[in-house]
Amino acid sequence: MSSISLRSAILALTFVSTSALAANHQIQMLNQSKDGMMAFEPAFLAVAPGDTITFLPTDMAHNTHSVFSPENGTSWNGSMGEKVTVTLDEEGIYLYQCDPHLALGMVGVIQVGNAGNLEGAKQHAQAMSEHIAVNKTRLEQYLDQVN
């Protein structure tokens, strides 16, 4: 086997093994959850870089919309009732919401690897809390789970 073919084979195996290690996570968009009405479940999720998150609507009146991401991080804005799948490669904190239910505190936090942007996420969460009328402490409680 030539050295070029060997290098190509090693490179291909590296990509296959890396993607094989990536996990797939699901977050439900619920009218009622363990955290109360209008919530994501789980609402806080810690994952590894390269993991995939699928948001599953259980009602046509929900969406998921990223509102804060690490620099160069993936962002998304799903339509109402749409199943959304994202792969998160950049480390940091991602904040997201259900647009029509933000006032009811339908928000969530994903930590990907190291939370290097935690202070920025907390500042953004504080600004978001001005638009939340019910369940105002949810976002702060979820951010308290970041390690």
N, C-alpha and C. Protein backbone atom coordinates (compact mmCIF):
# COMPACT_ATOMS: atom_id res chain seq x y z
N MET A 1 0.86 -1.18 0.00
CA MET A 1 0.00 0.00 0.00
C MET A 1 0.89 1.23 0.00
N SER A 2 0.63 2.18 -0.87
CA SER A 2 1.44 3.38 -0.95
C SER A 2 1.19 4.25 0.28
N SER A 3 2.13 5.14 0.56
CA SER A 3 1.99 6.01 1.74
C SER A 3 0.80 6.95 1.58
N ILE A 4 0.47 7.36 0.37
CA ILE A 4 -0.69 8.23 0.14
C ILE A 4 -1.97 7.47 0.45
N SER A 5 -2.07 6.23 -0.01
CA SER A 5 -3.25 5.41 0.25
C SER A 5 -3.39 5.14 1.74
N LEU A 6 -2.28 4.87 2.41
CA LEU A 6 -2.30 4.61 3.84
C LEU A 6 -2.76 5.85 4.60
N ARG A 7 -2.23 7.03 4.23
CA ARG A 7 -2.65 8.27 4.88
C ARG A 7 -4.14 8.53 4.64
N SER A 8 -4.60 8.28 3.44
CA SER A 8 -6.02 8.48 3.12
C SER A 8 -6.89 7.54 3.96
N ALA A 9 -6.45 6.30 4.10
CA ALA A 9 -7.21 5.33 4.89
C ALA A 9 -7.25 5.74 6.36
N ILE A 10 -6.15 6.22 6.89
CA ILE A 10 -6.10 6.66 8.29
C ILE A 10 -7.00 7.87 8.48
N LEU A 11 -6.93 8.81 7.56
CA LEU A 11 -7.78 10.00 7.63
C LEU A 11 -9.27 9.62 7.58
N ALA A 12 -9.63 8.72 6.70
CA ALA A 12 -11.03 8.27 6.58
C ALA A 12 -11.49 7.60 7.87
N LEU A 13 -10.64 6.76 8.46
CA LEU A 13 -10.98 6.09 9.72
C LEU A 13 -11.14 7.09 10.86
N THR A 14 -10.32 8.14 10.84
CA THR A 14 -10.43 9.18 11.87
C THR A 14 -11.79 9.84 11.80
N PHE A 15 -12.23 10.21 10.60
CA PHE A 15 -13.54 10.85 10.44
C PHE A 15 -14.67 9.91 10.84
N VAL A 16 -14.58 8.65 10.44
CA VAL A 16 -15.61 7.67 10.76
C VAL A 16 -15.67 7.45 12.26
N SER A 17 -14.53 7.30 12.92
CA SER A 17 -14.53 7.04 14.36
C SER A 17 -15.00 8.26 15.14
N THR A 18 -14.67 9.47 14.68
CA THR A 18 -15.12 10.68 15.36
C THR A 18 -16.64 10.80 15.27
N SER A 19 -17.20 10.59 14.08
CA SER A 19 -18.64 10.70 13.95
C SER A 19 -19.34 9.56 14.67
N ALA A 20 -18.72 8.41 14.77
CA ALA A 20 -19.32 7.29 15.49
C ALA A 20 -19.40 7.57 16.98
N LEU A 21 -18.50 8.40 17.48
CA LEU A 21 -18.49 8.73 18.91
C LEU A 21 -19.49 9.83 19.25
N ALA A 22 -19.91 10.60 18.27
CA ALA A 22 -20.85 11.70 18.52
C ALA A 22 -22.19 11.12 18.96
N ALA A 23 -22.78 11.76 19.96
CA ALA A 23 -24.06 11.30 20.49
C ALA A 23 -25.20 12.10 19.87
N ASN A 24 -26.36 11.50 19.89
CA ASN A 24 -27.59 12.15 19.44
C ASN A 24 -28.48 12.35 20.66
N HIS A 25 -28.91 13.58 20.87
CA HIS A 25 -29.74 13.93 22.02
C HIS A 25 -31.08 14.46 21.52
N GLN A 26 -32.12 14.26 22.32
CA GLN A 26 -33.44 14.77 21.96
C GLN A 26 -33.95 15.70 23.05
N ILE A 27 -34.55 16.79 22.62
CA ILE A 27 -35.19 17.74 23.53
C ILE A 27 -36.64 17.88 23.06
N GLN A 28 -37.57 17.63 23.96
CA GLN A 28 -38.98 17.76 23.63
C GLN A 28 -39.46 19.17 23.92
N MET A 29 -40.36 19.65 23.07
CA MET A 29 -41.02 20.94 23.29
C MET A 29 -42.41 20.60 23.83
N LEU A 30 -42.62 20.87 25.13
CA LEU A 30 -43.81 20.37 25.81
C LEU A 30 -44.74 21.47 26.30
N ASN A 31 -46.01 21.16 26.33
CA ASN A 31 -46.99 22.04 26.97
C ASN A 31 -46.91 21.89 28.49
N GLN A 32 -46.57 20.69 28.96
CA GLN A 32 -46.44 20.40 30.39
C GLN A 32 -45.24 19.49 30.60
N SER A 33 -44.37 19.85 31.53
CA SER A 33 -43.17 19.05 31.81
C SER A 33 -42.96 18.99 33.31
N LYS A 34 -41.88 18.36 33.72
CA LYS A 34 -41.56 18.30 35.15
C LYS A 34 -41.27 19.70 35.71
N ASP A 35 -40.90 20.64 34.84
CA ASP A 35 -40.63 22.02 35.26
C ASP A 35 -41.87 22.90 35.22
N GLY A 36 -43.00 22.33 34.83
CA GLY A 36 -44.23 23.11 34.74
C GLY A 36 -44.69 23.26 33.30
N MET A 37 -45.59 24.23 33.10
CA MET A 37 -46.14 24.39 31.75
C MET A 37 -45.16 25.11 30.82
N MET A 38 -45.31 24.82 29.53
CA MET A 38 -44.52 25.42 28.47
C MET A 38 -43.01 25.35 28.77
N ALA A 39 -42.44 24.18 28.50
CA ALA A 39 -41.03 23.97 28.82
C ALA A 39 -40.40 23.00 27.83
N PHE A 40 -39.09 23.11 27.72
CA PHE A 40 -38.30 22.13 26.99
C PHE A 40 -37.89 21.05 27.99
N GLU A 41 -37.76 19.82 27.50
CA GLU A 41 -37.32 18.75 28.40
C GLU A 41 -36.39 17.81 27.66
N PRO A 42 -35.13 17.70 28.13
CA PRO A 42 -34.56 18.46 29.24
C PRO A 42 -34.30 19.91 28.82
N ALA A 43 -34.39 20.80 29.78
CA ALA A 43 -34.18 22.22 29.50
C ALA A 43 -32.71 22.62 29.65
N PHE A 44 -31.95 21.82 30.40
CA PHE A 44 -30.49 21.99 30.45
C PHE A 44 -29.89 20.70 29.96
N LEU A 45 -28.93 20.82 29.06
CA LEU A 45 -28.28 19.64 28.49
C LEU A 45 -26.80 19.94 28.33
N ALA A 46 -25.95 19.06 28.84
CA ALA A 46 -24.50 19.16 28.65
C ALA A 46 -24.09 18.09 27.65
N VAL A 47 -23.42 18.50 26.58
CA VAL A 47 -23.04 17.59 25.51
C VAL A 47 -21.59 17.82 25.12
N ALA A 48 -21.08 16.93 24.30
CA ALA A 48 -19.71 17.05 23.79
C ALA A 48 -19.72 17.74 22.43
N PRO A 49 -18.65 18.41 22.08
CA PRO A 49 -18.56 19.00 20.74
C PRO A 49 -18.79 17.92 19.68
N GLY A 50 -19.58 18.27 18.67
CA GLY A 50 -19.89 17.32 17.61
C GLY A 50 -21.17 16.55 17.83
N ASP A 51 -21.76 16.66 19.02
CA ASP A 51 -23.02 15.98 19.29
C ASP A 51 -24.16 16.65 18.52
N THR A 52 -25.19 15.88 18.27
CA THR A 52 -26.37 16.34 17.55
C THR A 52 -27.54 16.46 18.52
N ILE A 53 -28.31 17.53 18.37
CA ILE A 53 -29.49 17.77 19.18
C ILE A 53 -30.69 17.80 18.24
N THR A 54 -31.74 17.06 18.57
CA THR A 54 -32.98 17.10 17.81
C THR A 54 -34.08 17.62 18.72
N PHE A 55 -34.70 18.70 18.30
CA PHE A 55 -35.83 19.30 19.02
C PHE A 55 -37.11 18.70 18.46
N LEU A 56 -37.91 18.09 19.34
CA LEU A 56 -39.12 17.40 18.92
C LEU A 56 -40.36 18.16 19.38
N PRO A 57 -41.15 18.70 18.46
CA PRO A 57 -42.37 19.38 18.86
C PRO A 57 -43.43 18.35 19.25
N THR A 58 -44.11 18.60 20.34
CA THR A 58 -45.23 17.73 20.75
C THR A 58 -46.55 18.45 20.49
N ASP A 59 -46.45 19.67 19.98
CA ASP A 59 -47.60 20.50 19.69
C ASP A 59 -47.19 21.43 18.55
N MET A 60 -48.09 21.73 17.67
CA MET A 60 -47.78 22.58 16.51
C MET A 60 -47.50 24.03 16.91
N ALA A 61 -47.74 24.40 18.17
CA ALA A 61 -47.59 25.80 18.61
C ALA A 61 -46.20 26.10 19.17
N HIS A 62 -45.23 25.19 18.99
CA HIS A 62 -43.88 25.41 19.53
C HIS A 62 -42.85 25.50 18.40
N ASN A 63 -41.79 26.24 18.69
CA ASN A 63 -40.62 26.25 17.82
C ASN A 63 -39.39 26.31 18.71
N THR A 64 -38.23 26.22 18.10
CA THR A 64 -36.98 26.42 18.82
C THR A 64 -36.14 27.41 18.03
N HIS A 65 -35.58 28.36 18.75
CA HIS A 65 -34.85 29.46 18.13
C HIS A 65 -33.64 29.77 19.01
N SER A 66 -32.44 29.61 18.46
CA SER A 66 -31.24 29.96 19.22
C SER A 66 -31.15 31.47 19.31
N VAL A 67 -30.84 31.95 20.50
CA VAL A 67 -30.75 33.40 20.70
C VAL A 67 -29.38 33.83 21.22
N PHE A 68 -28.53 32.86 21.58
CA PHE A 68 -27.17 33.17 22.02
C PHE A 68 -26.33 31.93 21.77
N SER A 69 -25.18 32.12 21.13
CA SER A 69 -24.28 31.02 20.80
C SER A 69 -22.85 31.49 20.97
N PRO A 70 -21.91 30.55 21.11
CA PRO A 70 -20.50 30.94 21.12
C PRO A 70 -20.12 31.56 19.77
N GLU A 71 -19.04 32.31 19.77
CA GLU A 71 -18.54 32.86 18.51
C GLU A 71 -18.31 31.70 17.55
N ASN A 72 -18.78 31.82 16.32
CA ASN A 72 -18.70 30.79 15.29
C ASN A 72 -19.58 29.57 15.58
N GLY A 73 -20.43 29.67 16.59
CA GLY A 73 -21.33 28.57 16.93
C GLY A 73 -22.53 28.50 16.00
N THR A 74 -23.11 27.34 15.93
CA THR A 74 -24.29 27.12 15.10
C THR A 74 -25.48 27.88 15.68
N SER A 75 -26.28 28.44 14.81
CA SER A 75 -27.54 29.04 15.24
C SER A 75 -28.66 28.39 14.44
N TRP A 76 -29.88 28.48 14.95
CA TRP A 76 -31.02 27.88 14.28
C TRP A 76 -32.27 28.68 14.60
N ASN A 77 -33.27 28.54 13.74
CA ASN A 77 -34.55 29.21 13.93
C ASN A 77 -35.62 28.36 13.26
N GLY A 78 -36.18 27.42 14.02
CA GLY A 78 -37.18 26.51 13.48
C GLY A 78 -38.54 27.17 13.34
N SER A 79 -39.31 26.66 12.43
CA SER A 79 -40.69 27.11 12.24
C SER A 79 -41.59 26.44 13.27
N MET A 80 -42.79 26.95 13.39
CA MET A 80 -43.76 26.38 14.31
C MET A 80 -44.02 24.91 13.96
N GLY A 81 -43.97 24.05 14.98
CA GLY A 81 -44.24 22.64 14.80
C GLY A 81 -43.18 21.87 14.05
N GLU A 82 -42.03 22.49 13.79
CA GLU A 82 -40.96 21.85 13.00
C GLU A 82 -39.98 21.09 13.89
N LYS A 83 -39.65 19.88 13.49
CA LYS A 83 -38.57 19.12 14.11
C LYS A 83 -37.27 19.72 13.59
N VAL A 84 -36.37 20.08 14.51
CA VAL A 84 -35.12 20.74 14.14
C VAL A 84 -33.96 19.91 14.67
N THR A 85 -32.98 19.66 13.81
CA THR A 85 -31.77 18.93 14.22
C THR A 85 -30.56 19.80 13.94
N VAL A 86 -29.71 19.96 14.96
CA VAL A 86 -28.49 20.75 14.81
C VAL A 86 -27.31 19.97 15.36
N THR A 87 -26.16 20.16 14.76
CA THR A 87 -24.91 19.60 15.27
C THR A 87 -24.12 20.75 15.85
N LEU A 88 -23.71 20.61 17.11
CA LEU A 88 -23.01 21.69 17.81
C LEU A 88 -21.54 21.33 17.95
N ASP A 89 -20.71 22.03 17.19
CA ASP A 89 -19.27 21.76 17.17
C ASP A 89 -18.48 22.71 18.06
N GLU A 90 -18.95 23.95 18.20
CA GLU A 90 -18.22 24.96 18.96
C GLU A 90 -18.54 24.85 20.45
N GLU A 91 -17.50 24.85 21.27
CA GLU A 91 -17.69 24.79 22.72
C GLU A 91 -18.29 26.08 23.24
N GLY A 92 -19.10 25.95 24.27
CA GLY A 92 -19.69 27.11 24.92
C GLY A 92 -21.14 26.89 25.27
N ILE A 93 -21.78 27.97 25.67
CA ILE A 93 -23.17 27.96 26.08
C ILE A 93 -24.04 28.44 24.92
N TYR A 94 -25.15 27.73 24.71
CA TYR A 94 -26.15 28.08 23.71
C TYR A 94 -27.46 28.31 24.47
N LEU A 95 -28.11 29.44 24.23
CA LEU A 95 -29.42 29.72 24.81
C LEU A 95 -30.44 29.66 23.68
N TYR A 96 -31.60 29.12 23.98
CA TYR A 96 -32.65 29.03 22.97
C TYR A 96 -34.01 29.24 23.61
N GLN A 97 -35.01 29.51 22.78
CA GLN A 97 -36.35 29.79 23.28
C GLN A 97 -37.39 29.30 22.29
N CYS A 98 -38.61 29.20 22.78
CA CYS A 98 -39.79 29.03 21.94
C CYS A 98 -40.35 30.44 21.80
N ASP A 99 -40.33 30.96 20.58
CA ASP A 99 -40.71 32.36 20.37
C ASP A 99 -42.09 32.73 20.92
N PRO A 100 -43.15 31.95 20.61
CA PRO A 100 -44.46 32.38 21.11
C PRO A 100 -44.64 32.19 22.61
N HIS A 101 -43.76 31.43 23.23
CA HIS A 101 -43.92 31.15 24.67
C HIS A 101 -42.76 31.69 25.51
N LEU A 102 -42.01 32.64 24.97
CA LEU A 102 -40.94 33.25 25.76
C LEU A 102 -41.50 33.91 27.01
N ALA A 103 -42.62 34.59 26.89
CA ALA A 103 -43.21 35.26 28.05
C ALA A 103 -43.57 34.28 29.16
N LEU A 104 -43.76 33.00 28.79
CA LEU A 104 -44.08 31.97 29.78
C LEU A 104 -42.83 31.23 30.27
N GLY A 105 -41.67 31.71 29.85
CA GLY A 105 -40.41 31.13 30.31
C GLY A 105 -40.01 29.85 29.60
N MET A 106 -40.43 29.68 28.35
CA MET A 106 -40.05 28.48 27.60
C MET A 106 -38.69 28.72 26.96
N VAL A 107 -37.66 28.41 27.75
CA VAL A 107 -36.27 28.67 27.39
C VAL A 107 -35.43 27.45 27.72
N GLY A 108 -34.22 27.39 27.18
CA GLY A 108 -33.33 26.28 27.48
C GLY A 108 -31.87 26.65 27.30
N VAL A 109 -31.02 25.78 27.85
CA VAL A 109 -29.57 25.99 27.84
C VAL A 109 -28.89 24.69 27.41
N ILE A 110 -27.96 24.80 26.49
CA ILE A 110 -27.11 23.68 26.11
C ILE A 110 -25.67 24.09 26.37
N GLN A 111 -24.96 23.26 27.12
CA GLN A 111 -23.53 23.45 27.34
C GLN A 111 -22.78 22.46 26.47
N VAL A 112 -21.93 22.97 25.60
CA VAL A 112 -21.11 22.12 24.74
C VAL A 112 -19.67 22.23 25.24
N GLY A 113 -19.16 21.16 25.83
CA GLY A 113 -17.79 21.17 26.33
C GLY A 113 -17.56 22.27 27.35
N ASN A 114 -16.47 23.00 27.18
CA ASN A 114 -16.08 24.07 28.09
C ASN A 114 -16.99 25.29 27.93
N ALA A 115 -17.44 25.84 29.04
CA ALA A 115 -18.38 26.97 29.03
C ALA A 115 -17.64 28.30 29.06
N GLY A 116 -16.78 28.53 28.10
CA GLY A 116 -15.95 29.73 28.08
C GLY A 116 -16.72 31.03 27.91
N ASN A 117 -17.94 30.98 27.42
CA ASN A 117 -18.74 32.18 27.21
C ASN A 117 -19.86 32.32 28.25
N LEU A 118 -19.67 31.73 29.41
CA LEU A 118 -20.72 31.72 30.44
C LEU A 118 -21.12 33.13 30.87
N GLU A 119 -20.16 34.01 31.06
CA GLU A 119 -20.51 35.37 31.50
C GLU A 119 -21.35 36.09 30.45
N GLY A 120 -21.01 35.92 29.20
CA GLY A 120 -21.81 36.51 28.13
C GLY A 120 -23.22 35.92 28.10
N ALA A 121 -23.31 34.61 28.34
CA ALA A 121 -24.62 33.95 28.36
C ALA A 121 -25.46 34.49 29.52
N LYS A 122 -24.84 34.71 30.66
CA LYS A 122 -25.58 35.23 31.82
C LYS A 122 -26.08 36.65 31.54
N GLN A 123 -25.26 37.45 30.89
CA GLN A 123 -25.68 38.82 30.54
C GLN A 123 -26.85 38.78 29.55
N HIS A 124 -26.76 37.89 28.58
CA HIS A 124 -27.85 37.78 27.60
C HIS A 124 -29.12 37.26 28.28
N ALA A 125 -28.97 36.33 29.20
CA ALA A 125 -30.12 35.78 29.93
C ALA A 125 -30.79 36.87 30.76
N GLN A 126 -30.00 37.74 31.34
CA GLN A 126 -30.57 38.83 32.13
C GLN A 126 -31.42 39.74 31.24
N ALA A 127 -30.95 40.03 30.04
CA ALA A 127 -31.73 40.85 29.10
C ALA A 127 -32.99 40.10 28.66
N MET A 128 -32.88 38.79 28.47
CA MET A 128 -34.05 37.99 28.08
C MET A 128 -35.11 38.00 29.17
N SER A 129 -34.68 38.01 30.42
CA SER A 129 -35.62 37.90 31.54
C SER A 129 -36.61 39.06 31.57
N GLU A 130 -36.25 40.17 30.94
CA GLU A 130 -37.18 41.31 30.86
C GLU A 130 -38.42 40.98 30.03
N HIS A 131 -38.33 39.95 29.19
CA HIS A 131 -39.44 39.56 28.32
C HIS A 131 -40.20 38.35 28.88
N ILE A 132 -39.76 37.85 30.03
CA ILE A 132 -40.38 36.67 30.63
C ILE A 132 -41.28 37.13 31.78
N ALA A 133 -42.56 36.77 31.71
CA ALA A 133 -43.52 37.18 32.74
C ALA A 133 -43.76 36.07 33.77
N VAL A 134 -43.73 34.82 33.32
CA VAL A 134 -44.00 33.66 34.17
C VAL A 134 -42.76 32.77 34.16
N ASN A 135 -42.47 32.13 35.27
CA ASN A 135 -41.29 31.25 35.37
C ASN A 135 -40.00 32.03 35.14
N LYS A 136 -39.92 33.21 35.72
CA LYS A 136 -38.79 34.13 35.49
C LYS A 136 -37.44 33.54 35.91
N THR A 137 -37.43 32.60 36.85
CA THR A 137 -36.16 32.08 37.36
C THR A 137 -35.65 30.86 36.59
N ARG A 138 -36.43 30.35 35.66
CA ARG A 138 -36.02 29.14 34.94
C ARG A 138 -34.65 29.28 34.29
N LEU A 139 -34.46 30.32 33.53
CA LEU A 139 -33.21 30.47 32.78
C LEU A 139 -32.02 30.55 33.73
N GLU A 140 -32.17 31.29 34.81
CA GLU A 140 -31.11 31.38 35.81
C GLU A 140 -30.83 30.01 36.43
N GLN A 141 -31.89 29.25 36.73
CA GLN A 141 -31.71 27.92 37.30
C GLN A 141 -30.98 26.99 36.34
N TYR A 142 -31.30 27.09 35.07
CA TYR A 142 -30.63 26.25 34.08
C TYR A 142 -29.15 26.64 33.95
N LEU A 143 -28.88 27.93 33.96
CA LEU A 143 -27.49 28.38 33.88
C LEU A 143 -26.69 28.00 35.13
N ASP A 144 -27.37 27.87 36.25
CA ASP A 144 -26.70 27.42 37.49
C ASP A 144 -26.19 25.99 37.39
N GLN A 145 -26.70 25.22 36.42
CA GLN A 145 -26.27 23.83 36.25
C GLN A 145 -25.00 23.71 35.41
N VAL A 146 -24.57 24.81 34.80
CA VAL A 146 -23.35 24.79 33.98
C VAL A 146 -22.16 24.52 34.88
N ASN A 147 -21.28 23.65 34.42
CA ASN A 147 -20.05 23.39 35.21
C ASN A 147 -18.81 23.56 34.37
